[in-house]
Protein backbone atom coordinates (compact mmCIF):
# COMPACT_ATOMS: atom_id res chain seq x y z
CA MET A 1 47.51 3.74 197.03
CA PRO A 2 44.54 4.13 199.35
CA PRO A 3 45.18 4.65 203.10
CA SER A 4 45.13 1.49 205.17
CA PRO A 5 42.92 1.22 208.29
CA ALA A 6 46.04 1.62 210.47
CA GLN A 7 47.06 4.76 208.63
CA THR A 8 43.66 6.37 208.95
CA GLU A 9 44.10 6.89 212.70
CA ASP A 10 46.78 9.56 211.91
CA LEU A 11 44.75 11.25 209.14
CA LEU A 12 42.62 14.34 209.49
CA LEU A 13 40.68 13.19 206.43
CA SER A 14 40.37 9.76 204.82
CA VAL A 15 38.42 9.21 201.56
CA ARG A 16 37.66 5.54 200.77
CA ASN A 17 36.11 4.32 197.51
CA LEU A 18 34.34 7.57 196.79
CA GLN A 19 31.95 7.55 193.92
CA VAL A 20 30.04 10.63 192.66
CA ALA A 21 27.38 10.72 189.99
CA PHE A 22 25.34 13.36 188.33
CA ARG A 23 21.93 13.02 186.63
CA GLY A 24 22.25 12.97 182.93
CA ASP A 25 19.51 13.08 180.30
CA GLU A 26 18.85 9.27 180.43
CA SER A 27 21.15 7.90 183.10
CA LEU A 28 23.74 8.75 185.77
CA VAL A 29 27.09 10.13 184.67
CA TYR A 30 29.85 9.09 187.08
CA ALA A 31 32.26 12.01 187.66
CA VAL A 32 34.29 10.31 190.43
CA LYS A 33 34.93 6.56 190.27
CA ASN A 34 35.88 4.80 193.56
CA ILE A 35 38.84 6.97 194.52
CA SER A 36 40.72 6.74 197.87
CA PHE A 37 43.22 9.05 199.47
CA GLY A 38 44.29 10.43 202.86
CA LEU A 39 45.41 13.81 204.27
CA GLU A 40 47.52 14.21 207.29
CA GLN A 41 47.27 17.07 209.83
CA GLY A 42 49.27 20.11 208.67
CA GLN A 43 49.92 18.69 205.20
CA THR A 44 48.91 19.85 201.71
CA LEU A 45 47.53 17.33 199.18
CA GLY A 46 47.45 18.53 195.58
CA ILE A 47 44.83 17.22 193.14
CA VAL A 48 45.77 17.77 189.57
CA GLY A 49 44.04 16.91 186.26
CA GLU A 50 42.32 18.45 183.26
CA SER A 51 38.78 19.77 183.16
CA GLY A 52 36.31 16.90 183.62
CA SER A 53 38.77 14.76 185.53
CA GLY A 54 36.66 14.88 188.73
CA LYS A 55 38.85 17.26 190.80
CA SER A 56 36.16 19.75 191.74
CA ALA A 57 33.45 17.02 192.07
CA THR A 58 35.65 15.40 194.71
CA ALA A 59 36.01 18.68 196.63
CA LEU A 60 32.34 19.42 196.40
CA ALA A 61 31.54 15.90 197.63
CA ILE A 62 33.77 16.41 200.71
CA MET A 63 32.08 19.75 201.50
CA GLY A 64 28.55 18.46 200.96
CA LEU A 65 27.96 20.97 198.16
CA LEU A 66 27.06 18.67 195.20
CA GLY A 67 23.60 20.14 194.91
CA GLU A 68 20.41 18.45 193.78
CA SER A 69 21.81 17.00 190.48
CA GLY A 70 24.75 15.24 192.17
CA LYS A 71 24.94 12.49 194.74
CA ILE A 72 27.55 10.25 196.35
CA THR A 73 26.59 6.70 195.36
CA ASN A 74 29.32 4.86 197.22
CA GLY A 75 32.22 5.32 199.66
CA GLU A 76 32.99 7.29 202.89
CA VAL A 77 34.63 10.50 203.83
CA LEU A 78 36.01 10.24 207.32
CA PHE A 79 36.78 13.52 208.95
CA ARG A 80 38.71 13.49 212.26
CA PRO A 81 38.90 16.87 214.02
CA SER A 82 41.47 17.14 216.82
CA GLY A 83 40.36 15.23 219.90
CA GLU A 84 37.20 14.02 218.36
CA VAL A 85 35.71 10.77 217.17
CA PRO A 86 35.99 10.55 213.28
CA ILE A 87 32.74 11.27 211.44
CA ASP A 88 31.58 10.06 208.04
CA LEU A 89 30.56 13.29 206.23
CA VAL A 90 28.66 11.28 203.59
CA ARG A 91 26.18 10.26 206.26
CA VAL A 92 25.92 13.51 208.08
CA SER A 93 22.58 15.33 207.97
CA PRO A 94 22.45 18.56 206.00
CA LYS A 95 21.75 20.48 209.25
CA LYS A 96 24.75 19.04 211.05
CA MET A 97 26.92 19.57 207.90
CA LEU A 98 26.27 23.30 208.34
CA LYS A 99 28.11 23.13 211.69
CA TYR A 100 31.18 21.66 210.10
CA ARG A 101 31.17 23.62 206.84
CA GLY A 102 32.70 27.07 207.47
CA ASP A 103 33.77 26.16 211.05
CA ARG A 104 35.86 23.00 210.88
CA MET A 105 36.36 22.93 207.09
CA ALA A 106 36.20 25.77 204.49
CA MET A 107 36.61 26.27 200.77
CA VAL A 108 38.25 28.95 198.56
CA PHE A 109 36.70 28.90 195.03
CA GLN A 110 38.32 29.75 191.69
CA GLU A 111 36.40 32.84 190.85
CA PRO A 112 36.08 35.24 193.89
CA MET A 113 33.80 37.71 192.04
CA THR A 114 31.04 35.12 191.70
CA SER A 115 31.69 33.74 195.20
CA LEU A 116 31.00 37.13 196.88
CA ASN A 117 27.64 38.86 196.95
CA PRO A 118 27.94 42.13 194.91
CA LEU A 119 25.16 43.76 197.01
CA PHE A 120 27.11 43.67 200.31
CA THR A 121 30.54 44.97 201.34
CA CYS A 122 33.49 42.67 201.67
CA GLY A 123 33.59 43.36 205.46
CA TYR A 124 29.88 42.56 206.00
CA GLN A 125 30.25 39.17 204.26
CA VAL A 126 33.22 38.11 206.45
CA ILE A 127 31.45 39.43 209.61
CA GLU A 128 28.41 37.38 208.66
CA ALA A 129 30.46 34.17 208.41
CA ILE A 130 32.14 34.84 211.76
CA ARG A 131 28.83 35.39 213.61
CA LEU A 132 27.31 32.36 212.01
CA HIS A 133 29.79 30.05 213.70
CA ARG A 134 31.07 32.01 216.71
CA GLN A 135 29.17 33.59 219.63
CA VAL A 136 30.55 37.16 219.25
CA SER A 137 29.00 40.64 219.06
CA GLN A 138 28.86 42.79 215.90
CA SER A 139 31.79 44.93 217.17
CA GLU A 140 33.91 41.94 218.13
CA ALA A 141 33.31 40.31 214.69
CA GLU A 142 34.27 43.63 212.98
CA LYS A 143 37.55 43.72 214.94
CA LEU A 144 38.25 40.07 214.08
CA THR A 145 37.52 40.90 210.34
CA ILE A 146 40.05 43.79 210.40
CA GLN A 147 42.61 41.43 211.99
CA LEU A 148 41.90 38.82 209.30
CA PHE A 149 42.26 41.35 206.52
CA ASP A 150 45.59 42.39 208.04
CA GLU A 151 46.67 38.73 208.29
CA VAL A 152 46.00 38.18 204.63
CA GLN A 153 47.93 41.25 203.81
CA LEU A 154 45.15 43.46 202.38
CA PRO A 155 46.03 47.13 202.30
CA ASN A 156 44.13 49.52 204.63
CA PRO A 157 41.95 46.83 206.33
CA GLN A 158 39.70 49.38 208.09
CA GLN A 159 38.78 51.07 204.78
CA LEU A 160 38.51 47.84 202.90
CA ILE A 161 35.71 46.44 205.01
CA GLU A 162 33.52 49.12 203.62
CA ARG A 163 34.38 48.38 199.98
CA TYR A 164 32.12 46.31 197.61
CA PRO A 165 33.66 43.44 195.57
CA HIS A 166 33.61 45.39 192.33
CA GLU A 167 35.71 48.10 193.90
CA ILE A 168 38.87 45.94 194.49
CA SER A 169 41.22 43.89 192.29
CA GLY A 170 41.01 40.17 191.60
CA GLY A 171 43.99 39.45 193.88
CA GLN A 172 42.44 41.41 196.67
CA LEU A 173 39.09 39.66 196.21
CA GLN A 174 40.82 36.26 196.53
CA ARG A 175 42.48 37.51 199.81
CA VAL A 176 38.96 38.47 201.04
CA MET A 177 37.89 34.89 200.25
CA ILE A 178 40.85 33.41 202.14
CA ALA A 179 40.08 35.66 205.07
CA MET A 180 36.49 34.37 205.18
CA ALA A 181 37.64 30.79 204.82
CA ILE A 182 40.02 31.05 207.83
CA SER A 183 37.71 33.19 209.93
CA CYS A 184 36.69 30.31 212.12
CA ASN A 185 40.13 28.70 212.18
CA PRO A 186 39.16 25.54 210.33
CA GLN A 187 41.38 22.41 210.39
CA LEU A 188 40.81 21.68 206.70
CA ILE A 189 40.75 24.20 203.88
CA ILE A 190 39.97 23.17 200.26
CA ALA A 191 41.35 25.63 197.61
CA ASP A 192 39.85 24.96 194.21
CA GLU A 193 41.90 26.54 191.49
CA PRO A 194 42.29 29.78 193.58
CA THR A 195 44.99 31.32 191.34
CA THR A 196 43.82 30.38 187.88
CA ALA A 197 42.35 33.76 186.96
CA LEU A 198 45.22 35.78 188.43
CA ASP A 199 48.41 37.31 187.07
CA VAL A 200 51.64 35.35 187.72
CA THR A 201 52.89 37.89 190.30
CA VAL A 202 49.54 37.93 192.13
CA GLN A 203 49.49 34.16 191.89
CA ALA A 204 52.83 33.96 193.55
CA THR A 205 51.81 36.15 196.46
CA ILE A 206 48.54 34.14 196.94
CA LEU A 207 50.45 30.86 197.02
CA LYS A 208 52.93 32.38 199.49
CA LEU A 209 50.10 33.62 201.66
CA LEU A 210 48.33 30.26 201.74
CA LYS A 211 51.53 28.49 202.82
CA GLU A 212 52.18 31.04 205.51
CA ILE A 213 48.64 30.79 206.94
CA GLN A 214 48.73 27.05 206.73
CA ARG A 215 51.97 26.92 208.62
CA SER A 216 51.01 29.51 211.25
CA ARG A 217 47.59 27.99 211.95
CA GLY A 218 48.52 24.30 211.50
CA MET A 219 45.84 23.69 208.99
CA SER A 220 45.62 20.83 206.45
CA MET A 221 44.87 21.87 202.79
CA ILE A 222 43.60 20.19 199.61
CA PHE A 223 44.84 22.28 196.66
CA ILE A 224 43.15 21.68 193.27
CA THR A 225 44.91 22.76 190.10
CA HIS A 226 45.64 21.88 186.47
CA ASP A 227 49.11 23.52 186.72
CA LEU A 228 51.91 21.10 187.64
CA GLY A 229 54.27 24.02 188.39
CA ILE A 230 51.86 25.27 191.11
CA LEU A 231 51.56 21.68 192.39
CA ALA A 232 55.32 21.46 192.79
CA GLU A 233 55.37 24.76 194.70
CA ILE A 234 52.73 24.00 197.30
CA ALA A 235 51.80 20.25 197.69
CA ASP A 236 53.49 17.66 199.95
CA SER A 237 51.68 14.79 198.27
CA ALA A 238 49.54 14.58 195.15
CA ILE A 239 46.98 12.63 193.23
CA VAL A 240 46.61 12.76 189.45
CA MET A 241 43.13 12.32 188.29
CA ASN A 242 41.79 11.42 184.78
CA GLN A 243 38.21 10.72 183.77
CA GLY A 244 37.10 10.37 187.45
CA GLU A 245 39.91 7.96 188.48
CA VAL A 246 43.12 8.33 190.43
CA VAL A 247 45.96 7.34 188.02
CA GLU A 248 48.80 8.30 190.32
CA TYR A 249 49.12 9.00 194.04
CA GLY A 250 52.25 9.69 196.24
CA ASN A 251 54.93 12.12 197.20
CA THR A 252 54.86 15.26 194.92
CA PRO A 253 58.50 15.41 194.03
CA ALA A 254 58.57 11.70 193.28
CA ILE A 255 55.54 11.96 190.97
CA LEU A 256 57.00 14.89 189.08
CA LYS A 257 60.55 13.54 188.75
CA ALA A 258 59.65 9.93 187.99
CA PRO A 259 56.01 9.70 186.81
CA GLN A 260 54.69 6.15 186.31
CA HIS A 261 51.43 6.66 184.43
CA PRO A 262 51.53 7.80 180.83
CA TYR A 263 48.79 10.38 181.57
CA THR A 264 51.02 12.01 184.12
CA LYS A 265 54.04 11.82 181.69
CA GLY A 266 51.89 13.67 179.14
CA LEU A 267 50.74 16.39 181.54
CA ILE A 268 54.32 17.08 182.57
CA ALA A 269 55.68 16.99 178.94
CA CYS A 270 53.00 19.37 177.42
CA ARG A 271 53.94 22.27 179.72
CA PRO A 272 56.21 24.83 177.78
CA GLN A 273 59.70 24.50 179.26
CA PRO A 274 61.22 28.01 179.26
CA ASP A 275 64.80 26.62 179.61
CA ARG A 276 64.61 24.81 176.28
CA GLN A 277 62.85 25.69 173.00
CA LEU A 278 60.93 22.71 171.62
CA ARG A 279 59.81 22.89 167.96
CA LEU A 280 56.40 21.56 169.01
CA LEU A 281 54.88 20.58 172.35
CA PRO A 282 53.99 17.00 173.16
CA THR A 283 50.35 16.32 174.23
CA VAL A 284 48.71 13.66 176.44
CA SER A 285 47.61 11.86 173.30
CA ASP A 286 51.30 11.37 172.36
CA PHE A 287 51.75 9.22 175.47
CA MET A 288 48.54 7.22 175.61
CA GLU A 289 45.33 6.31 173.75
CA ILE A 290 42.09 4.57 174.60
CA GLN A 291 41.27 1.42 172.60
CA ASN A 292 38.10 -0.55 173.31
CA GLY A 293 37.93 1.08 176.78
CA GLN A 294 41.51 0.19 177.66
CA MET A 295 44.45 2.64 178.11
CA ILE A 296 47.35 1.90 175.77
CA GLU A 297 50.76 3.53 176.48
CA LYS A 298 52.48 5.00 173.43
CA GLU A 299 56.04 5.98 172.77
CA PRO A 300 55.97 9.79 171.95
CA ASN A 301 56.99 10.77 168.44
CA ALA A 302 60.67 12.00 168.46
CA SER A 303 59.69 15.16 166.54
CA TYR A 304 57.79 16.43 169.61
CA LEU A 305 61.02 16.26 171.63
CA GLU A 306 63.10 18.10 169.03
CA VAL A 307 64.89 21.13 170.44
CA VAL A 308 65.35 24.22 168.27
CA SER A 309 69.04 25.21 168.39
CA SER A 310 70.10 28.75 169.37
CA GLU A 311 71.75 29.19 165.91
CA GLU A 312 68.45 28.41 164.16
CA ILE A 313 66.58 30.89 166.33
CA ALA A 314 69.18 33.54 165.67
CA ASN A 315 69.17 32.89 161.98
CA ARG A 316 65.38 33.11 161.70
CA LEU A 317 65.36 36.49 163.54
CA THR A 318 68.06 37.81 161.15
CA GLU A 319 66.05 36.83 158.15
CA LEU A 320 62.85 38.30 159.54
CA GLN A 321 64.48 41.63 160.28
CA LYS A 322 65.88 42.07 156.76
CA GLN A 323 62.34 42.80 155.71
CA ASP A 324 60.38 46.08 156.09
CA PRO A 325 58.06 45.87 159.10
CA ILE A 326 54.52 44.75 158.32
CA LEU A 327 53.32 46.82 161.29
CA SER A 328 54.96 49.97 162.63
CA VAL A 329 53.60 51.68 165.85
CA GLN A 330 54.97 55.08 166.71
CA ASP A 331 54.17 57.12 169.87
CA LEU A 332 50.91 55.34 170.46
CA ARG A 333 48.92 56.90 173.26
CA ILE A 334 45.44 55.91 174.40
CA GLU A 335 43.42 57.92 176.92
CA PHE A 336 39.96 57.04 178.42
CA PRO A 337 37.80 59.81 180.04
CA ILE A 338 36.94 59.41 183.61
CA ARG A 339 33.57 61.11 184.32
CA ASN A 340 32.16 62.54 187.55
CA ILE A 341 28.79 61.77 188.99
CA LEU A 342 27.21 64.37 186.57
CA GLY A 343 28.55 62.56 183.57
CA LEU A 344 31.10 65.27 182.85
CA LYS A 345 34.68 64.51 181.82
CA LYS A 346 36.81 65.16 184.95
CA ARG A 347 40.14 63.76 183.86
CA TYR A 348 41.74 61.16 181.58
CA PHE A 349 43.19 57.78 182.38
CA VAL A 350 46.25 56.97 180.22
CA ALA A 351 46.07 53.30 179.33
CA VAL A 352 48.92 53.34 176.77
CA ASN A 353 51.60 55.90 177.12
CA ASN A 354 53.61 56.81 173.94
CA ILE A 355 54.91 53.31 172.99
CA SER A 356 56.71 52.52 169.74
CA PHE A 357 57.56 49.14 168.20
CA ASP A 358 57.76 47.24 164.91
CA VAL A 359 56.50 43.82 163.87
CA PHE A 360 58.18 42.01 160.92
CA ARG A 361 56.44 39.83 158.38
CA GLY A 362 56.23 36.20 159.54
CA GLU A 363 57.31 37.09 163.12
CA THR A 364 55.52 36.39 166.36
CA LEU A 365 55.89 39.35 168.88
CA GLY A 366 54.91 38.33 172.34
CA LEU A 367 53.17 40.98 174.47
CA VAL A 368 53.42 40.24 178.18
CA GLY A 369 52.53 42.02 181.40
CA GLU A 370 50.07 42.03 184.30
CA SER A 371 46.32 42.87 183.98
CA GLY A 372 45.92 46.60 183.33
CA CYS A 373 49.37 47.04 181.77
CA GLY A 374 47.88 47.98 178.28
CA LYS A 375 48.43 44.83 176.38
CA THR A 376 44.86 44.20 175.23
CA THR A 377 44.23 48.00 174.69
CA THR A 378 47.26 48.12 172.39
CA GLY A 379 45.89 45.23 170.34
CA ARG A 380 42.44 46.78 170.13
CA ALA A 381 43.99 50.08 168.98
CA ILE A 382 45.84 48.31 166.10
CA LEU A 383 42.57 46.67 165.08
CA GLY A 384 40.65 49.91 165.26
CA LEU A 385 38.38 48.67 168.06
CA THR A 386 38.92 51.45 170.53
CA SER A 387 38.67 55.29 170.69
CA GLY A 388 40.96 57.87 172.17
CA VAL A 389 43.87 56.78 170.01
CA MET A 390 46.78 59.14 169.37
CA GLY A 391 50.08 58.51 167.50
CA SER A 392 50.77 56.47 164.37
CA VAL A 393 49.85 52.88 163.39
CA LYS A 394 51.08 51.89 159.91
CA PHE A 395 50.20 48.54 158.29
CA GLU A 396 52.35 47.69 155.16
CA GLY A 397 53.39 51.37 155.13
CA ASN A 398 49.90 52.83 155.19
CA GLU A 399 48.51 54.79 158.13
CA ILE A 400 45.55 52.94 159.64
CA SER A 401 44.92 54.59 163.03
CA HIS A 402 42.03 56.84 161.90
CA LEU A 403 40.44 54.67 159.19
CA LYS A 404 36.64 54.40 159.34
CA GLY A 405 33.76 52.97 157.39
CA GLU A 406 34.53 50.95 154.23
CA ALA A 407 38.31 51.59 154.49
CA LEU A 408 38.36 50.04 157.99
CA ARG A 409 36.29 47.06 156.84
CA LYS A 410 38.70 46.41 153.94
CA LEU A 411 41.67 46.48 156.32
CA ARG A 412 40.04 43.86 158.54
CA CYS A 413 40.44 41.25 155.83
CA ASP A 414 44.21 41.49 156.46
CA LEU A 415 44.05 42.00 160.31
CA GLN A 416 42.17 39.50 162.39
CA VAL A 417 41.85 38.58 166.06
CA VAL A 418 41.40 35.52 168.31
CA PHE A 419 39.95 36.42 171.69
CA GLN A 420 40.52 34.81 175.08
CA ASP A 421 36.97 33.42 175.57
CA PRO A 422 35.94 31.33 172.58
CA TYR A 423 32.39 30.79 173.83
CA GLY A 424 31.83 34.45 174.12
CA SER A 425 33.34 34.99 170.68
CA LEU A 426 30.82 32.76 168.90
CA ASN A 427 27.10 33.47 168.36
CA PRO A 428 25.29 30.67 170.22
CA ARG A 429 22.44 30.84 167.62
CA MET A 430 24.70 30.39 164.63
CA SER A 431 26.04 27.02 163.47
CA VAL A 432 29.83 26.71 163.40
CA GLY A 433 29.78 26.51 159.62
CA ASP A 434 27.82 29.77 159.36
CA ALA A 435 30.13 31.44 161.90
CA ILE A 436 33.22 30.64 159.86
CA ALA A 437 31.52 31.57 156.55
CA GLU A 438 30.16 34.86 157.82
CA PRO A 439 33.36 36.99 157.16
CA LEU A 440 33.39 35.61 153.61
CA LEU A 441 29.78 36.78 153.13
CA VAL A 442 30.40 40.14 154.72
CA HIS A 443 33.34 40.84 152.36
CA SER A 444 32.09 39.18 149.24
CA HIS A 445 31.28 42.54 147.64
CA GLN A 446 35.08 42.93 147.25
CA GLU A 447 36.43 41.65 144.02
CA ARG A 448 39.03 39.38 145.53
CA PHE A 449 36.28 37.59 147.50
CA ALA A 450 33.77 37.57 144.68
CA ARG A 451 33.82 33.78 144.44
CA TYR A 452 32.34 33.60 147.96
CA ARG A 453 29.06 35.20 146.84
CA GLN A 454 27.90 31.62 146.22
CA ALA A 455 26.83 29.75 149.40
CA GLU A 456 28.43 26.52 148.19
CA SER A 457 31.85 28.29 147.85
CA ARG A 458 31.47 29.55 151.50
CA ARG A 459 30.62 26.13 152.80
CA GLU A 460 33.48 24.50 150.93
CA ARG A 461 36.01 27.07 152.48
CA ALA A 462 34.46 26.63 156.00
CA GLY A 463 34.77 22.83 155.63
CA TYR A 464 38.40 23.08 154.57
CA LEU A 465 39.28 25.42 157.47
CA LEU A 466 37.71 23.15 160.06
CA GLU A 467 39.67 20.20 158.75
CA ARG A 468 42.84 22.33 158.78
CA VAL A 469 42.33 23.13 162.46
CA GLY A 470 41.88 19.52 163.34
CA LEU A 471 38.09 19.11 163.27
CA THR A 472 35.77 17.51 160.68
CA LYS A 473 33.45 18.96 158.05
CA SER A 474 30.49 17.39 159.93
CA ALA A 475 31.10 19.89 162.65
CA MET A 476 29.74 22.67 160.39
CA ARG A 477 26.08 21.79 161.34
CA ARG A 478 26.71 21.90 165.03
CA TYR A 479 26.45 24.80 167.52
CA PRO A 480 29.11 26.28 169.88
CA HIS A 481 27.71 24.70 173.06
CA GLU A 482 28.27 21.25 171.54
CA PHE A 483 32.08 21.63 171.60
CA SER A 484 34.68 21.66 174.32
CA GLY A 485 36.76 24.80 175.08
CA GLY A 486 39.72 23.73 173.04
CA GLN A 487 37.50 22.83 170.09
CA ARG A 488 35.74 26.20 170.30
CA GLN A 489 39.06 27.98 170.16
CA ARG A 490 40.01 25.99 167.10
CA ILE A 491 36.74 27.17 165.52
CA CYS A 492 37.65 30.80 166.30
CA ILE A 493 41.08 30.26 164.79
CA ALA A 494 39.35 28.76 161.64
CA ARG A 495 37.20 31.90 161.46
CA ALA A 496 40.12 34.18 161.79
CA LEU A 497 41.76 32.47 158.83
CA ALA A 498 38.72 32.64 156.60
CA LEU A 499 39.88 35.78 154.78
CA ASN A 500 43.56 34.79 154.45
CA PRO A 501 44.74 37.55 156.79
CA LYS A 502 48.33 38.69 157.02
CA LEU A 503 48.38 39.54 160.74
CA ILE A 504 46.50 37.90 163.67
CA ILE A 505 46.34 39.39 167.15
CA ALA A 506 45.92 36.49 169.56
CA ASP A 507 44.67 37.92 172.84
CA GLU A 508 45.20 35.39 175.67
CA PRO A 509 44.01 32.53 173.34
CA VAL A 510 44.99 29.66 175.58
CA SER A 511 44.67 31.07 179.18
CA ALA A 512 41.26 29.36 179.63
CA LEU A 513 42.42 25.94 178.42
CA ASP A 514 43.89 22.84 180.10
CA VAL A 515 47.66 22.30 179.65
CA SER A 516 47.20 19.47 177.17
CA VAL A 517 44.57 21.36 175.11
CA GLN A 518 46.72 24.49 175.40
CA ALA A 519 49.66 22.57 173.87
CA GLN A 520 47.47 21.38 170.92
CA VAL A 521 46.32 24.98 170.22
CA LEU A 522 49.84 26.43 170.46
CA ASN A 523 51.18 23.68 168.08
CA LEU A 524 48.32 24.46 165.65
CA LEU A 525 49.18 28.20 165.66
CA LYS A 526 52.84 27.46 164.87
CA GLU A 527 51.88 25.06 162.08
CA LEU A 528 49.51 27.56 160.56
CA GLN A 529 52.07 30.30 160.74
CA ALA A 530 54.55 28.16 158.77
CA GLU A 531 51.90 27.16 156.24
CA PHE A 532 50.26 30.53 155.56
CA GLY A 533 53.11 32.93 156.41
CA LEU A 534 51.16 34.49 159.18
CA THR A 535 52.39 37.28 161.46
CA TYR A 536 51.23 37.20 165.07
CA ILE A 537 51.03 39.51 168.00
CA PHE A 538 50.57 37.04 170.87
CA ILE A 539 49.22 38.59 174.07
CA SER A 540 49.53 36.65 177.44
CA HIS A 541 50.44 36.97 181.06
CA ASP A 542 52.10 33.57 180.89
CA LEU A 543 55.82 34.06 180.12
CA GLY A 544 56.40 30.32 179.56
CA VAL A 545 53.72 30.22 176.84
CA VAL A 546 54.88 33.48 175.32
CA LYS A 547 58.50 32.35 175.21
CA PHE A 548 57.50 29.17 173.34
CA MET A 549 55.56 31.07 170.75
CA SER A 550 57.57 34.24 170.23
CA ASP A 551 60.61 35.37 168.35
CA ARG A 552 60.71 38.62 170.37
CA ILE A 553 58.87 39.62 173.66
CA MET A 554 57.77 43.11 174.57
CA VAL A 555 57.14 43.55 178.30
CA MET A 556 54.55 46.16 179.32
CA ASN A 557 53.79 47.83 182.70
CA LYS A 558 51.48 50.76 183.43
CA GLY A 559 50.96 51.49 179.69
CA GLU A 560 54.66 51.71 178.88
CA ILE A 561 57.22 49.37 177.26
CA VAL A 562 59.53 48.21 180.00
CA GLU A 563 61.65 45.89 177.89
CA LEU A 564 61.84 44.60 174.32
CA GLY A 565 64.17 41.89 173.06
CA THR A 566 64.57 38.30 171.81
CA ALA A 567 62.55 35.70 173.68
CA GLU A 568 65.61 34.04 174.96
CA SER A 569 67.34 37.27 176.19
CA ILE A 570 64.16 38.47 177.95
CA TYR A 571 63.82 35.18 179.86
CA SER A 572 67.43 34.31 180.49
CA ASN A 573 68.92 37.81 181.09
CA PRO A 574 66.14 40.34 181.90
CA GLN A 575 67.53 43.87 182.39
CA GLN A 576 64.63 45.59 184.17
CA PRO A 577 63.44 44.91 187.74
CA TYR A 578 59.82 44.58 186.58
CA THR A 579 60.72 41.80 184.10
CA GLN A 580 62.91 40.12 186.74
CA LYS A 581 59.83 40.15 189.07
CA LEU A 582 57.64 38.64 186.45
CA ILE A 583 60.08 35.74 185.72
CA SER A 584 60.90 35.09 189.40
CA ALA A 585 57.06 34.64 189.99
CA ILE A 586 56.85 31.77 187.50
CA PRO A 587 56.38 28.42 189.45
CA LYS A 588 59.56 26.42 189.11
CA ALA A 589 58.28 22.84 188.72
CA MET A 590 60.36 19.87 189.99
CA VAL A 591 60.18 18.18 186.63
CA SER A 592 62.95 16.16 185.11
């Protein structure tokens, strides 16, 4: 419900009938369609929705940062700083908007590395923001910056002001951005997906920090996210957006416990629920569909709500472990040389430290841990994509850790990988059909792939795989930029399946996807495993996703295995403090 005129007197921010459009090739594309909402002083409003729903466009419109291609075509944004007459930000001149932006209102963006200038130190950039809006000397601004770095709990603030963005971690960069945002004590702060790129433990500390700063400074906050668990942790009220429209607006606990709109119901249902194991995840399309421009509510298929019993899970694991391991890793150690300024090796960094584990045929082993724990390096070592490998890696009983040349190429028919970034994994100059068929061409000299020496056979196989991952044969002629993120990841999965591999390493395959698209890809991976008898090593920092996918989970920290056990035992009864810390950091959504 939009705020009434009487209510707006108590609001710091009142958005009425806001409409935002961007220039398309032939006409305007409306990203935000006549939305209305209000934000009280000291409160947090959450905006949730999938990519393209209009969340970020709404925030950029409020901040006056739409750029040349976007414009507000209707509505008003009334901002009422304490003790001042409300001002309509839509009609404020760009020069006057500079006075408000950074001083009265500030923004924290999703990717801190691209928000900070790599040519200047972190301290210089915060000092610059302070001096732009406050009449203080260089030394006073430096003292304030050190105080701000201390307030956002950065280690060694006096040293950190001299560090460049590339010299500190992602979590520390986001703290620098928060320090910059609060440097002039704004009354409104907009946080646009500020924790999306962070590990779950770092995410938890950033959320806690934002809440503490908001409470101590009495700020209001708009928090944009696609994660309903985070929404439940931080927002007093929430709006749910879909295709530029507000489909639900109200108190956060009420929305999450009793959603009214089918889109909200779908968003809630498609999140993996660690306390129960569903056979498949529901998606938004199971709750609604669009017919002739009208939304039609659907009753979800009962199969998507089917819970896998503990007995079935235990029986599956027993059957898997009766077989010989398809992959056996023993005493794996990976070192990277650290060179001095003369380019000479000075010492070695141990990325993986003498780890051992087995993976059974048809199993999914989840690899979980924070960034830098050695998950991806372990996967790359198994695939033969990294140097400095010591120890033993056996595939189907054969040592593969030191294979090179043709022997390694033959092995890669059976070992494939799906990377985190599907766009970066596909050649932008190669059609989708050619990208999927390329492995068939590369390996067609082998007798078992001899039939793919003919272009028609390769096209036929590529078309079949596209249909199997939920796309159409007509997609073969199109290029990667013509697809959404979820569709591109399906294409990468199709390419990984081209050679009928036995084991696939999926390295953060859904971390860049919206929750509903994520559910579709996870369901697809499970269906393909059942159909083709695939074995997965599933790498992620999201324990909820890993638990849904995995038979067993291996927790890594600082290059070592901290804990290894069944998915249920790791989640419900973690033995090690590090695992307990990971699980406690998962946002606990107020979802029925």
